[in-house]
Amino acid sequence: MPVDKELMEILVCPSCRGAVEDRQEGDRELIVCTKCGLRYPVRDGIPVMLVDEAERPPAP
């Protein structure tokens, strides 16, 4: 279930306040910060924007 577009317009990364974008990676939907790279899970169409729940970006 995709995240609502209006919600995406107001979301920012809680860690660095950077812009975020909605991404589909395999069968998972994630909210990814374009500044610091933290990846937040989406559960039942609701972004879990908690730094403790975020994943670090994959190593290059």
Protein backbone atom coordinates (compact mmCIF):
# COMPACT_ATOMS: atom_id res chain seq x y z
CA MET A 1 0.00 0.00 0.00
CA PRO A 2 1.70 3.23 -1.13
CA VAL A 3 2.11 6.16 1.24
CA ASP A 4 -0.31 9.04 0.62
CA LYS A 5 1.19 11.75 -1.63
CA GLU A 6 0.04 14.57 0.67
CA LEU A 7 1.79 12.90 3.60
CA MET A 8 4.99 12.49 1.56
CA GLU A 9 5.01 16.24 0.89
CA ILE A 10 5.32 17.06 4.61
CA LEU A 11 7.57 14.23 5.79
CA VAL A 12 11.24 14.90 6.57
CA CYS A 13 13.95 12.71 8.05
CA PRO A 14 13.76 12.97 11.85
CA SER A 15 17.54 12.56 12.08
CA CYS A 16 18.82 15.26 9.70
CA ARG A 17 15.63 17.00 8.48
CA GLY A 18 16.49 16.03 4.90
CA ALA A 19 13.95 15.37 2.15
CA VAL A 20 12.61 11.83 1.84
CA GLU A 21 11.29 9.72 -1.00
CA ASP A 22 9.15 6.61 -1.21
CA ARG A 23 10.94 3.56 -2.66
CA GLN A 24 9.99 -0.01 -3.40
CA GLU A 25 12.83 -2.49 -2.84
CA GLY A 26 11.73 -5.99 -3.68
CA ASP A 27 8.63 -6.66 -1.62
CA ARG A 28 9.42 -3.89 0.89
CA GLU A 29 8.35 -0.28 0.81
CA LEU A 30 10.75 2.19 2.41
CA ILE A 31 10.99 5.90 3.04
CA VAL A 32 14.58 6.89 2.23
CA CYS A 33 16.30 10.13 3.22
CA THR A 34 18.02 11.76 0.25
CA LYS A 35 20.49 13.52 2.56
CA CYS A 36 21.74 10.98 5.14
CA GLY A 37 20.45 7.78 3.51
CA LEU A 38 18.55 6.40 6.50
CA ARG A 39 15.82 3.98 5.41
CA TYR A 40 12.55 3.94 7.34
CA PRO A 41 10.11 1.02 7.07
CA VAL A 42 6.52 1.38 5.92
CA ARG A 43 4.03 -0.87 7.72
CA ASP A 44 0.47 -1.16 6.42
CA GLY A 45 0.92 2.05 4.43
CA ILE A 46 2.17 4.00 7.47
CA PRO A 47 5.79 5.25 7.53
CA VAL A 48 7.57 4.42 10.79
CA MET A 49 9.66 7.59 11.08
CA LEU A 50 11.62 6.61 14.20
CA VAL A 51 15.42 6.79 14.10
CA ASP A 52 15.58 3.63 16.26
CA GLU A 53 13.60 1.74 13.58
CA ALA A 54 15.66 3.05 10.64
CA GLU A 55 18.26 1.06 8.74
CA ARG A 56 21.62 2.48 7.75
CA PRO A 57 22.27 2.83 4.02
CA PRO A 58 23.93 -0.17 2.37
CA ALA A 59 27.71 -0.05 2.11
CA PRO A 60 28.97 1.10 -1.32
